[in-house]
Amino acid sequence: IGQEMVANAERLQQIPWEVYGGRKRHRAIECAANKVLTMDIARLEHRSMALCSNDAKSCYDRILHAIASICMRRVGVSKETCQMMFGTLEQVDHYVRTNFGDSTTSYACVEIPFQGVYQGNGAGPGIWMLVSIPIINMLKASGFGIKVINAMSKERFSFVCYAFVDDTDLVHASDFTRGEFDPEVDQLVTEMQEVVNTWEGGLRASGGAL
């Protein structure tokens, strides 16, 4: 399931290039290198820029099943497949495993079904990636991020973060204004706080937290 839905997302060009985790031919070292290059560009242009490195809390274990199902259906996963996976996860009995053996008693949901896709789920990385895509697109739609001009082609491009699974570096910089990149520091800090608030709000809406 995980392989097929990620392949479909790639084929449909649904994955922003900011996403590195869970994709073929994308490595963490490239994510780190691009982050350094972004800082180099800001330094060379004497441009104000802010970066916030954050980690989502227990990312796989907090994903809401309704949100995950919508994101999976969006790239072609069938309704029956989602019902099978999440229906099973909501009803499982949990045991505690230690060096001294497994617990003899278990715990399970009583009224509210457990959420999350759990660590070790083969589709977990793909599900997290699909859930994070709308949050990244939400940041872009709000006008956040950094815009860069290619020195050779004069092409303009922009991005809002570097995301490797649940470890995300949010980036925000001053916009192009009369060829200058020098907003007031207070303004940049305020805008960066809005970026973080928007990111956290998206995580919270999908069941997650910083």
N, C-alpha and C. Protein backbone atom coordinates (compact mmCIF):
# COMPACT_ATOMS: atom_id res chain seq x y z
N ILE A 1 0.84 -1.20 0.00
CA ILE A 1 0.00 0.00 0.00
C ILE A 1 0.87 1.25 0.00
N GLY A 2 1.88 1.25 0.88
CA GLY A 2 2.76 2.42 0.99
C GLY A 2 3.49 2.71 -0.31
N GLN A 3 4.04 1.67 -0.94
CA GLN A 3 4.78 1.85 -2.19
C GLN A 3 3.88 2.37 -3.30
N GLU A 4 2.70 1.80 -3.41
CA GLU A 4 1.80 2.17 -4.50
C GLU A 4 1.30 3.60 -4.36
N MET A 5 0.94 4.00 -3.14
CA MET A 5 0.37 5.35 -3.01
C MET A 5 1.45 6.43 -3.17
N VAL A 6 2.68 6.14 -2.73
CA VAL A 6 3.77 7.11 -2.94
C VAL A 6 4.10 7.20 -4.43
N ALA A 7 4.12 6.05 -5.12
CA ALA A 7 4.37 6.05 -6.56
C ALA A 7 3.29 6.82 -7.30
N ASN A 8 2.03 6.66 -6.89
CA ASN A 8 0.94 7.41 -7.51
C ASN A 8 1.08 8.91 -7.26
N ALA A 9 1.47 9.27 -6.03
CA ALA A 9 1.65 10.68 -5.70
C ALA A 9 2.76 11.30 -6.55
N GLU A 10 3.84 10.54 -6.76
CA GLU A 10 4.93 11.02 -7.62
C GLU A 10 4.43 11.17 -9.05
N ARG A 11 3.70 10.18 -9.52
CA ARG A 11 3.20 10.19 -10.89
C ARG A 11 2.24 11.36 -11.13
N LEU A 12 1.45 11.68 -10.12
CA LEU A 12 0.48 12.78 -10.23
C LEU A 12 1.10 14.14 -9.87
N GLN A 13 2.40 14.12 -9.54
CA GLN A 13 3.12 15.35 -9.19
C GLN A 13 2.45 16.08 -8.03
N GLN A 14 2.07 15.30 -7.03
CA GLN A 14 1.42 15.84 -5.85
C GLN A 14 2.41 16.17 -4.73
N ILE A 15 3.64 15.70 -4.84
CA ILE A 15 4.60 15.85 -3.74
C ILE A 15 5.45 17.09 -3.97
N PRO A 16 5.42 18.07 -3.07
CA PRO A 16 6.29 19.24 -3.20
C PRO A 16 7.75 18.83 -3.11
N TRP A 17 8.62 19.58 -3.78
CA TRP A 17 10.03 19.18 -3.74
C TRP A 17 10.63 19.40 -2.35
N GLU A 18 9.93 20.14 -1.46
CA GLU A 18 10.41 20.32 -0.09
C GLU A 18 10.45 19.02 0.69
N VAL A 19 9.68 18.02 0.24
CA VAL A 19 9.58 16.75 0.97
C VAL A 19 10.71 15.82 0.53
N TYR A 20 11.51 15.37 1.50
CA TYR A 20 12.62 14.47 1.22
C TYR A 20 12.36 13.06 1.76
N GLY A 21 11.79 12.94 2.95
CA GLY A 21 11.60 11.63 3.56
C GLY A 21 10.57 10.79 2.85
N GLY A 22 10.82 9.48 2.78
CA GLY A 22 9.86 8.55 2.19
C GLY A 22 9.87 8.52 0.68
N ARG A 23 10.85 9.17 0.04
CA ARG A 23 10.90 9.21 -1.42
C ARG A 23 12.18 8.55 -1.93
N LYS A 24 12.09 7.96 -3.09
CA LYS A 24 13.27 7.39 -3.72
C LYS A 24 14.22 8.49 -4.17
N ARG A 25 15.50 8.20 -4.11
CA ARG A 25 16.56 9.10 -4.57
C ARG A 25 16.55 10.44 -3.82
N HIS A 26 16.08 10.44 -2.57
CA HIS A 26 16.14 11.62 -1.72
C HIS A 26 16.82 11.22 -0.40
N ARG A 27 17.90 11.90 -0.07
CA ARG A 27 18.66 11.55 1.12
C ARG A 27 18.69 12.71 2.11
N ALA A 28 18.88 12.37 3.37
CA ALA A 28 18.91 13.39 4.41
C ALA A 28 20.08 14.35 4.21
N ILE A 29 21.21 13.85 3.70
CA ILE A 29 22.39 14.70 3.52
C ILE A 29 22.13 15.78 2.48
N GLU A 30 21.30 15.48 1.47
CA GLU A 30 20.95 16.49 0.46
C GLU A 30 20.06 17.58 1.07
N CYS A 31 19.18 17.16 1.96
CA CYS A 31 18.33 18.11 2.67
C CYS A 31 19.19 19.07 3.49
N ALA A 32 20.18 18.52 4.20
CA ALA A 32 21.07 19.34 5.01
C ALA A 32 21.92 20.27 4.15
N ALA A 33 22.40 19.76 3.01
CA ALA A 33 23.24 20.58 2.13
C ALA A 33 22.45 21.75 1.56
N ASN A 34 21.20 21.50 1.14
CA ASN A 34 20.38 22.58 0.60
C ASN A 34 20.05 23.63 1.65
N LYS A 35 19.92 23.20 2.89
CA LYS A 35 19.67 24.16 3.97
C LYS A 35 20.87 25.09 4.13
N VAL A 36 22.07 24.54 4.06
CA VAL A 36 23.28 25.36 4.16
C VAL A 36 23.37 26.32 2.97
N LEU A 37 23.06 25.83 1.78
CA LEU A 37 23.10 26.68 0.59
C LEU A 37 22.10 27.83 0.68
N THR A 38 20.93 27.55 1.26
CA THR A 38 19.94 28.62 1.45
C THR A 38 20.49 29.72 2.34
N MET A 39 21.14 29.33 3.42
CA MET A 39 21.76 30.32 4.32
C MET A 39 22.87 31.08 3.61
N ASP A 40 23.62 30.40 2.76
CA ASP A 40 24.69 31.07 2.00
C ASP A 40 24.11 32.13 1.07
N ILE A 41 23.00 31.81 0.41
CA ILE A 41 22.36 32.78 -0.49
C ILE A 41 21.91 34.01 0.28
N ALA A 42 21.27 33.79 1.43
CA ALA A 42 20.81 34.92 2.24
C ALA A 42 21.99 35.77 2.71
N ARG A 43 23.08 35.13 3.04
CA ARG A 43 24.26 35.87 3.51
C ARG A 43 24.88 36.68 2.37
N LEU A 44 24.98 36.07 1.20
CA LEU A 44 25.58 36.76 0.05
C LEU A 44 24.74 37.96 -0.38
N GLU A 45 23.42 37.83 -0.26
CA GLU A 45 22.53 38.91 -0.68
C GLU A 45 22.26 39.91 0.45
N HIS A 46 22.90 39.69 1.62
CA HIS A 46 22.65 40.55 2.78
C HIS A 46 21.15 40.62 3.05
N ARG A 47 20.56 39.47 3.07
CA ARG A 47 19.10 39.36 3.12
C ARG A 47 18.66 38.79 4.46
N SER A 48 17.67 39.41 5.05
CA SER A 48 17.15 38.93 6.33
C SER A 48 16.38 37.63 6.11
N MET A 49 16.67 36.63 6.94
CA MET A 49 16.03 35.33 6.81
C MET A 49 15.90 34.68 8.18
N ALA A 50 14.85 33.93 8.38
CA ALA A 50 14.64 33.21 9.63
C ALA A 50 14.41 31.74 9.32
N LEU A 51 14.90 30.87 10.20
CA LEU A 51 14.74 29.43 10.03
C LEU A 51 14.37 28.83 11.38
N CYS A 52 13.36 27.97 11.38
CA CYS A 52 12.93 27.31 12.62
C CYS A 52 12.98 25.80 12.41
N SER A 53 13.86 25.14 13.14
CA SER A 53 13.94 23.68 13.09
C SER A 53 12.99 23.11 14.14
N ASN A 54 12.09 22.25 13.72
CA ASN A 54 11.13 21.69 14.67
C ASN A 54 10.89 20.21 14.40
N ASP A 55 10.39 19.55 15.41
CA ASP A 55 10.16 18.11 15.35
C ASP A 55 8.73 17.84 15.79
N ALA A 56 8.00 17.06 15.01
CA ALA A 56 6.63 16.73 15.38
C ALA A 56 6.64 15.64 16.46
N LYS A 57 5.77 15.80 17.43
CA LYS A 57 5.72 14.87 18.57
C LYS A 57 5.03 13.57 18.18
N SER A 58 5.74 12.44 18.33
CA SER A 58 5.15 11.11 18.08
C SER A 58 4.34 11.09 16.79
N CYS A 59 4.98 11.50 15.71
CA CYS A 59 4.23 11.80 14.48
C CYS A 59 3.34 10.65 14.02
N TYR A 60 3.87 9.44 13.89
CA TYR A 60 3.07 8.33 13.38
C TYR A 60 1.93 7.98 14.33
N ASP A 61 2.16 8.13 15.62
CA ASP A 61 1.19 7.67 16.62
C ASP A 61 0.03 8.65 16.82
N ARG A 62 0.08 9.83 16.21
CA ARG A 62 -0.95 10.84 16.44
C ARG A 62 -1.79 11.15 15.21
N ILE A 63 -1.52 10.51 14.08
CA ILE A 63 -2.25 10.83 12.85
C ILE A 63 -3.71 10.42 12.99
N LEU A 64 -4.62 11.35 12.72
CA LEU A 64 -6.04 11.03 12.75
C LEU A 64 -6.41 10.18 11.53
N HIS A 65 -7.16 9.12 11.77
CA HIS A 65 -7.49 8.20 10.69
C HIS A 65 -8.34 8.85 9.60
N ALA A 66 -9.23 9.75 9.99
CA ALA A 66 -10.07 10.41 8.98
C ALA A 66 -9.22 11.25 8.03
N ILE A 67 -8.25 11.99 8.61
CA ILE A 67 -7.35 12.80 7.77
C ILE A 67 -6.49 11.92 6.89
N ALA A 68 -5.93 10.86 7.48
CA ALA A 68 -5.08 9.95 6.71
C ALA A 68 -5.85 9.31 5.56
N SER A 69 -7.10 8.92 5.81
CA SER A 69 -7.92 8.30 4.77
C SER A 69 -8.16 9.25 3.61
N ILE A 70 -8.48 10.52 3.93
CA ILE A 70 -8.70 11.51 2.87
C ILE A 70 -7.45 11.69 2.03
N CYS A 71 -6.30 11.79 2.70
CA CYS A 71 -5.04 12.00 1.97
C CYS A 71 -4.68 10.79 1.13
N MET A 72 -4.97 9.59 1.63
CA MET A 72 -4.68 8.38 0.87
C MET A 72 -5.63 8.23 -0.32
N ARG A 73 -6.91 8.51 -0.10
CA ARG A 73 -7.89 8.42 -1.19
C ARG A 73 -7.54 9.39 -2.31
N ARG A 74 -6.92 10.51 -1.93
CA ARG A 74 -6.56 11.56 -2.90
C ARG A 74 -5.58 11.05 -3.95
N VAL A 75 -4.78 10.05 -3.58
CA VAL A 75 -3.79 9.52 -4.54
C VAL A 75 -4.14 8.11 -4.99
N GLY A 76 -5.42 7.74 -4.85
CA GLY A 76 -5.87 6.51 -5.48
C GLY A 76 -6.06 5.30 -4.60
N VAL A 77 -5.84 5.40 -3.29
CA VAL A 77 -6.07 4.25 -2.41
C VAL A 77 -7.57 4.06 -2.25
N SER A 78 -8.03 2.84 -2.32
CA SER A 78 -9.47 2.59 -2.28
C SER A 78 -10.04 2.79 -0.88
N LYS A 79 -11.33 3.07 -0.84
CA LYS A 79 -12.04 3.24 0.43
C LYS A 79 -11.95 1.97 1.27
N GLU A 80 -12.08 0.81 0.63
CA GLU A 80 -12.05 -0.46 1.34
C GLU A 80 -10.69 -0.71 1.99
N THR A 81 -9.63 -0.32 1.29
CA THR A 81 -8.29 -0.49 1.85
C THR A 81 -8.10 0.36 3.10
N CYS A 82 -8.56 1.59 3.05
CA CYS A 82 -8.46 2.47 4.23
C CYS A 82 -9.28 1.93 5.38
N GLN A 83 -10.49 1.44 5.09
CA GLN A 83 -11.33 0.89 6.15
C GLN A 83 -10.70 -0.35 6.76
N MET A 84 -10.07 -1.18 5.93
CA MET A 84 -9.42 -2.39 6.44
C MET A 84 -8.25 -2.03 7.36
N MET A 85 -7.39 -1.11 6.91
CA MET A 85 -6.21 -0.77 7.70
C MET A 85 -6.58 -0.09 9.01
N PHE A 86 -7.37 0.98 8.92
CA PHE A 86 -7.65 1.76 10.12
C PHE A 86 -8.69 1.07 11.03
N GLY A 87 -9.58 0.32 10.42
CA GLY A 87 -10.52 -0.45 11.24
C GLY A 87 -9.80 -1.46 12.10
N THR A 88 -8.75 -2.07 11.55
CA THR A 88 -7.95 -3.04 12.32
C THR A 88 -7.17 -2.33 13.42
N LEU A 89 -6.50 -1.22 13.07
CA LEU A 89 -5.67 -0.50 14.06
C LEU A 89 -6.51 0.04 15.21
N GLU A 90 -7.76 0.39 14.94
CA GLU A 90 -8.61 0.96 15.99
C GLU A 90 -9.05 -0.09 17.00
N GLN A 91 -9.01 -1.37 16.63
CA GLN A 91 -9.57 -2.41 17.49
C GLN A 91 -8.53 -3.37 18.08
N VAL A 92 -7.24 -3.13 17.83
CA VAL A 92 -6.23 -4.09 18.30
C VAL A 92 -6.07 -4.04 19.81
N ASP A 93 -5.63 -5.16 20.37
CA ASP A 93 -5.26 -5.23 21.79
C ASP A 93 -3.76 -5.00 21.90
N HIS A 94 -3.36 -4.18 22.86
CA HIS A 94 -1.95 -3.84 23.04
C HIS A 94 -1.38 -4.52 24.28
N TYR A 95 -0.16 -5.07 24.14
CA TYR A 95 0.56 -5.66 25.24
C TYR A 95 1.89 -4.93 25.41
N VAL A 96 2.42 -4.93 26.61
CA VAL A 96 3.70 -4.30 26.89
C VAL A 96 4.78 -5.37 26.85
N ARG A 97 5.83 -5.15 26.05
CA ARG A 97 6.93 -6.11 25.93
C ARG A 97 8.16 -5.59 26.64
N THR A 98 8.75 -6.40 27.50
CA THR A 98 9.96 -6.02 28.23
C THR A 98 10.98 -7.15 28.15
N ASN A 99 12.14 -6.94 28.76
CA ASN A 99 13.16 -8.00 28.83
C ASN A 99 12.68 -9.21 29.62
N PHE A 100 11.70 -8.98 30.47
CA PHE A 100 11.19 -10.06 31.32
C PHE A 100 10.00 -10.76 30.70
N GLY A 101 9.65 -10.38 29.46
CA GLY A 101 8.54 -11.02 28.78
C GLY A 101 7.39 -10.07 28.51
N ASP A 102 6.34 -10.58 27.89
CA ASP A 102 5.17 -9.77 27.56
C ASP A 102 4.20 -9.73 28.73
N SER A 103 3.47 -8.63 28.83
CA SER A 103 2.47 -8.51 29.89
C SER A 103 1.35 -9.51 29.67
N THR A 104 0.77 -9.97 30.75
CA THR A 104 -0.32 -10.94 30.65
C THR A 104 -1.66 -10.26 30.41
N THR A 105 -1.74 -8.97 30.73
CA THR A 105 -2.97 -8.21 30.48
C THR A 105 -2.74 -7.24 29.33
N SER A 106 -3.80 -6.86 28.69
CA SER A 106 -3.70 -5.97 27.54
C SER A 106 -4.60 -4.75 27.75
N TYR A 107 -4.44 -3.76 26.87
CA TYR A 107 -5.33 -2.61 26.90
C TYR A 107 -5.79 -2.33 25.47
N ALA A 108 -7.00 -1.81 25.35
CA ALA A 108 -7.57 -1.51 24.04
C ALA A 108 -8.54 -0.34 24.20
N CYS A 109 -9.10 0.12 23.09
CA CYS A 109 -10.03 1.24 23.16
C CYS A 109 -11.31 0.81 23.86
N VAL A 110 -11.91 1.75 24.57
CA VAL A 110 -13.16 1.49 25.26
C VAL A 110 -14.32 2.11 24.47
N GLU A 111 -14.26 3.43 24.28
CA GLU A 111 -15.29 4.11 23.51
C GLU A 111 -14.71 4.79 22.27
N ILE A 112 -13.65 5.61 22.48
CA ILE A 112 -13.03 6.34 21.38
C ILE A 112 -11.93 5.47 20.77
N PRO A 113 -12.02 5.13 19.49
CA PRO A 113 -10.99 4.29 18.86
C PRO A 113 -9.61 4.94 18.92
N PHE A 114 -8.58 4.11 19.10
CA PHE A 114 -7.22 4.62 19.06
C PHE A 114 -6.93 5.19 17.67
N GLN A 115 -6.09 6.23 17.63
CA GLN A 115 -5.68 6.84 16.37
C GLN A 115 -4.21 6.51 16.12
N GLY A 116 -3.65 7.05 15.04
CA GLY A 116 -2.26 6.79 14.72
C GLY A 116 -2.10 5.59 13.81
N VAL A 117 -0.96 5.54 13.11
CA VAL A 117 -0.69 4.40 12.23
C VAL A 117 0.37 3.48 12.82
N TYR A 118 0.97 3.90 13.96
CA TYR A 118 1.89 3.09 14.74
C TYR A 118 3.27 2.94 14.09
N GLN A 119 4.28 2.89 14.94
CA GLN A 119 5.64 2.65 14.49
C GLN A 119 5.73 1.22 13.94
N GLY A 120 6.45 1.04 12.86
CA GLY A 120 6.59 -0.29 12.26
C GLY A 120 5.59 -0.58 11.16
N ASN A 121 4.60 0.27 11.00
CA ASN A 121 3.65 0.12 9.90
C ASN A 121 4.38 0.43 8.60
N GLY A 122 4.39 -0.51 7.68
CA GLY A 122 5.13 -0.30 6.43
C GLY A 122 4.65 0.88 5.62
N ALA A 123 3.36 1.22 5.77
CA ALA A 123 2.82 2.36 5.04
C ALA A 123 2.96 3.66 5.84
N GLY A 124 3.48 3.59 7.06
CA GLY A 124 3.58 4.76 7.93
C GLY A 124 4.31 5.95 7.32
N PRO A 125 5.53 5.76 6.79
CA PRO A 125 6.23 6.90 6.19
C PRO A 125 5.46 7.55 5.05
N GLY A 126 4.84 6.73 4.20
CA GLY A 126 4.06 7.27 3.09
C GLY A 126 2.83 8.02 3.57
N ILE A 127 2.16 7.49 4.60
CA ILE A 127 0.98 8.16 5.13
C ILE A 127 1.35 9.51 5.73
N TRP A 128 2.46 9.54 6.50
CA TRP A 128 2.89 10.81 7.08
C TRP A 128 3.21 11.83 5.99
N MET A 129 3.87 11.38 4.93
CA MET A 129 4.21 12.29 3.85
C MET A 129 2.95 12.87 3.21
N LEU A 130 1.95 12.02 2.97
CA LEU A 130 0.71 12.49 2.34
C LEU A 130 -0.05 13.45 3.25
N VAL A 131 0.03 13.23 4.56
CA VAL A 131 -0.64 14.13 5.51
C VAL A 131 0.07 15.48 5.57
N SER A 132 1.40 15.47 5.42
CA SER A 132 2.16 16.72 5.52
C SER A 132 2.06 17.59 4.26
N ILE A 133 1.73 16.99 3.13
CA ILE A 133 1.67 17.75 1.87
C ILE A 133 0.66 18.90 1.94
N PRO A 134 -0.59 18.68 2.40
CA PRO A 134 -1.52 19.82 2.47
C PRO A 134 -1.04 20.93 3.41
N ILE A 135 -0.31 20.57 4.47
CA ILE A 135 0.18 21.59 5.40
C ILE A 135 1.23 22.46 4.71
N ILE A 136 2.12 21.82 3.94
CA ILE A 136 3.13 22.57 3.19
C ILE A 136 2.46 23.47 2.16
N ASN A 137 1.47 22.93 1.46
CA ASN A 137 0.75 23.74 0.47
C ASN A 137 0.00 24.90 1.12
N MET A 138 -0.46 24.70 2.36
CA MET A 138 -1.14 25.76 3.09
C MET A 138 -0.18 26.91 3.38
N LEU A 139 1.07 26.58 3.74
CA LEU A 139 2.07 27.61 3.97
C LEU A 139 2.35 28.40 2.70
N LYS A 140 2.45 27.68 1.59
CA LYS A 140 2.71 28.36 0.31
C LYS A 140 1.56 29.29 -0.06
N ALA A 141 0.32 28.81 0.13
CA ALA A 141 -0.83 29.62 -0.21
C ALA A 141 -0.92 30.88 0.64
N SER A 142 -0.33 30.84 1.84
CA SER A 142 -0.34 32.00 2.72
C SER A 142 0.77 32.99 2.39
N GLY A 143 1.60 32.65 1.40
CA GLY A 143 2.66 33.56 0.96
C GLY A 143 3.94 33.48 1.76
N PHE A 144 4.10 32.44 2.57
CA PHE A 144 5.32 32.31 3.36
C PHE A 144 6.42 31.66 2.54
N GLY A 145 7.63 31.67 3.08
CA GLY A 145 8.76 31.01 2.44
C GLY A 145 9.82 31.99 1.98
N ILE A 146 10.68 31.52 1.12
CA ILE A 146 11.77 32.34 0.58
C ILE A 146 11.74 32.26 -0.94
N LYS A 147 11.90 33.38 -1.59
CA LYS A 147 11.92 33.44 -3.06
C LYS A 147 13.36 33.73 -3.49
N VAL A 148 13.81 33.00 -4.49
CA VAL A 148 15.20 33.10 -4.94
C VAL A 148 15.24 33.29 -6.44
N ILE A 149 16.19 34.08 -6.92
CA ILE A 149 16.42 34.26 -8.35
C ILE A 149 17.67 33.48 -8.75
N ASN A 150 17.53 32.60 -9.73
CA ASN A 150 18.69 31.87 -10.25
C ASN A 150 19.64 32.85 -10.93
N ALA A 151 20.88 32.87 -10.48
CA ALA A 151 21.84 33.85 -10.99
C ALA A 151 22.14 33.66 -12.47
N MET A 152 22.00 32.43 -12.99
CA MET A 152 22.32 32.14 -14.39
C MET A 152 21.12 32.35 -15.31
N SER A 153 19.98 31.78 -14.94
CA SER A 153 18.82 31.81 -15.84
C SER A 153 17.83 32.93 -15.51
N LYS A 154 18.03 33.60 -14.37
CA LYS A 154 17.11 34.64 -13.89
C LYS A 154 15.74 34.07 -13.54
N GLU A 155 15.64 32.75 -13.46
CA GLU A 155 14.38 32.11 -13.10
C GLU A 155 14.12 32.30 -11.61
N ARG A 156 12.86 32.55 -11.27
CA ARG A 156 12.47 32.70 -9.86
C ARG A 156 11.83 31.41 -9.37
N PHE A 157 12.19 31.01 -8.17
CA PHE A 157 11.55 29.86 -7.55
C PHE A 157 11.45 30.12 -6.06
N SER A 158 10.59 29.37 -5.40
CA SER A 158 10.36 29.59 -3.97
C SER A 158 10.12 28.27 -3.27
N PHE A 159 10.31 28.28 -1.96
CA PHE A 159 10.04 27.11 -1.14
C PHE A 159 9.80 27.57 0.29
N VAL A 160 9.20 26.71 1.11
CA VAL A 160 8.82 27.10 2.47
C VAL A 160 9.52 26.30 3.56
N CYS A 161 10.11 25.17 3.20
CA CYS A 161 10.73 24.35 4.25
C CYS A 161 11.59 23.27 3.64
N TYR A 162 12.29 22.56 4.53
CA TYR A 162 12.95 21.30 4.21
C TYR A 162 12.38 20.27 5.17
N ALA A 163 11.71 19.25 4.65
CA ALA A 163 11.05 18.27 5.50
C ALA A 163 11.61 16.88 5.27
N PHE A 164 12.12 16.28 6.35
CA PHE A 164 12.55 14.89 6.30
C PHE A 164 11.75 14.13 7.35
N VAL A 165 10.71 13.45 6.90
CA VAL A 165 9.72 12.81 7.77
C VAL A 165 9.15 13.89 8.69
N ASP A 166 9.30 13.75 10.03
CA ASP A 166 8.68 14.73 10.92
C ASP A 166 9.65 15.82 11.36
N ASP A 167 10.88 15.79 10.87
CA ASP A 167 11.85 16.84 11.18
C ASP A 167 11.78 17.88 10.06
N THR A 168 11.37 19.09 10.41
CA THR A 168 11.11 20.12 9.40
C THR A 168 11.83 21.40 9.75
N ASP A 169 12.49 22.00 8.76
CA ASP A 169 13.10 23.32 8.89
C ASP A 169 12.26 24.31 8.11
N LEU A 170 11.51 25.13 8.82
CA LEU A 170 10.69 26.16 8.17
C LEU A 170 11.58 27.35 7.82
N VAL A 171 11.41 27.88 6.62
CA VAL A 171 12.25 28.99 6.14
C VAL A 171 11.35 30.15 5.74
N HIS A 172 11.74 31.35 6.15
CA HIS A 172 11.00 32.54 5.72
C HIS A 172 11.98 33.70 5.59
N ALA A 173 11.82 34.47 4.52
CA ALA A 173 12.71 35.59 4.27
C ALA A 173 11.93 36.76 3.70
N SER A 174 12.58 37.90 3.70
CA SER A 174 11.96 39.09 3.13
C SER A 174 11.66 38.87 1.66
N ASP A 175 10.60 39.50 1.18
CA ASP A 175 10.17 39.34 -0.20
C ASP A 175 10.94 40.30 -1.10
N PHE A 176 10.75 40.13 -2.42
CA PHE A 176 11.38 41.03 -3.38
C PHE A 176 10.66 42.37 -3.35
N THR A 177 11.32 43.41 -2.92
CA THR A 177 10.73 44.75 -2.88
C THR A 177 11.75 45.77 -3.39
N ARG A 178 11.53 46.24 -4.58
CA ARG A 178 12.44 47.23 -5.19
C ARG A 178 13.88 46.73 -5.19
N GLY A 179 14.04 45.41 -5.30
CA GLY A 179 15.38 44.86 -5.36
C GLY A 179 16.11 44.87 -4.03
N GLU A 180 15.39 45.13 -2.93
CA GLU A 180 16.04 45.20 -1.64
C GLU A 180 15.53 44.07 -0.75
N PHE A 181 16.38 43.63 0.17
CA PHE A 181 16.03 42.54 1.06
C PHE A 181 16.33 42.96 2.50
N ASP A 182 15.71 44.01 2.97
CA ASP A 182 16.04 44.49 4.31
C ASP A 182 14.82 44.98 5.07
N PRO A 183 13.88 44.08 5.42
CA PRO A 183 12.75 44.52 6.22
C PRO A 183 13.18 44.75 7.66
N GLU A 184 12.34 45.38 8.41
CA GLU A 184 12.62 45.54 9.82
C GLU A 184 12.69 44.16 10.48
N VAL A 185 13.62 44.03 11.42
CA VAL A 185 13.78 42.74 12.10
C VAL A 185 12.50 42.34 12.81
N ASP A 186 11.85 43.29 13.46
CA ASP A 186 10.61 42.99 14.17
C ASP A 186 9.56 42.43 13.22
N GLN A 187 9.51 42.97 12.02
CA GLN A 187 8.54 42.49 11.04
C GLN A 187 8.84 41.04 10.65
N LEU A 188 10.10 40.75 10.42
CA LEU A 188 10.49 39.39 10.04
C LEU A 188 10.19 38.40 11.16
N VAL A 189 10.48 38.78 12.39
CA VAL A 189 10.19 37.91 13.53
C VAL A 189 8.69 37.66 13.65
N THR A 190 7.90 38.69 13.46
CA THR A 190 6.44 38.54 13.51
C THR A 190 5.94 37.60 12.43
N GLU A 191 6.47 37.77 11.21
CA GLU A 191 6.05 36.90 10.10
C GLU A 191 6.49 35.46 10.35
N MET A 192 7.69 35.28 10.90
CA MET A 192 8.17 33.93 11.17
C MET A 192 7.31 33.25 12.23
N GLN A 193 6.86 34.02 13.20
CA GLN A 193 5.96 33.46 14.21
C GLN A 193 4.66 33.01 13.57
N GLU A 194 4.18 33.75 12.57
CA GLU A 194 2.97 33.35 11.85
C GLU A 194 3.21 32.05 11.08
N VAL A 195 4.41 31.91 10.52
CA VAL A 195 4.76 30.67 9.82
C VAL A 195 4.67 29.49 10.78
N VAL A 196 5.30 29.63 11.94
CA VAL A 196 5.30 28.55 12.93
C VAL A 196 3.89 28.26 13.43
N ASN A 197 3.11 29.31 13.66
CA ASN A 197 1.73 29.12 14.12
C ASN A 197 0.90 28.37 13.07
N THR A 198 1.10 28.71 11.79
CA THR A 198 0.36 28.05 10.72
C THR A 198 0.76 26.59 10.61
N TRP A 199 2.07 26.33 10.71
CA TRP A 199 2.57 24.95 10.66
C TRP A 199 2.01 24.14 11.83
N GLU A 200 2.06 24.71 13.03
CA GLU A 200 1.56 24.01 14.21
C GLU A 200 0.06 23.77 14.11
N GLY A 201 -0.66 24.75 13.56
CA GLY A 201 -2.10 24.58 13.39
C GLY A 201 -2.43 23.46 12.43
N GLY A 202 -1.65 23.33 11.36
CA GLY A 202 -1.85 22.23 10.43
C GLY A 202 -1.56 20.88 11.06
N LEU A 203 -0.49 20.82 11.85
CA LEU A 203 -0.18 19.58 12.57
C LEU A 203 -1.31 19.21 13.53
N ARG A 204 -1.78 20.22 14.28
CA ARG A 204 -2.83 19.97 15.28
C ARG A 204 -4.10 19.48 14.61
N ALA A 205 -4.45 20.06 13.45
CA ALA A 205 -5.66 19.67 12.74
C ALA A 205 -5.60 18.21 12.28
N SER A 206 -4.40 17.72 12.02
CA SER A 206 -4.24 16.33 11.57
C SER A 206 -3.95 15.39 12.72
N GLY A 207 -3.98 15.90 13.95
CA GLY A 207 -3.76 15.06 15.12
C GLY A 207 -2.41 15.20 15.77
N GLY A 208 -1.50 15.94 15.12
CA GLY A 208 -0.13 16.02 15.62
C GLY A 208 0.10 17.20 16.55
N ALA A 209 1.36 17.39 16.92
CA ALA A 209 1.76 18.48 17.80
C ALA A 209 3.26 18.69 17.65
N LEU A 210 3.72 19.90 18.00
CA LEU A 210 5.17 20.17 17.98
C LEU A 210 5.80 19.56 19.23
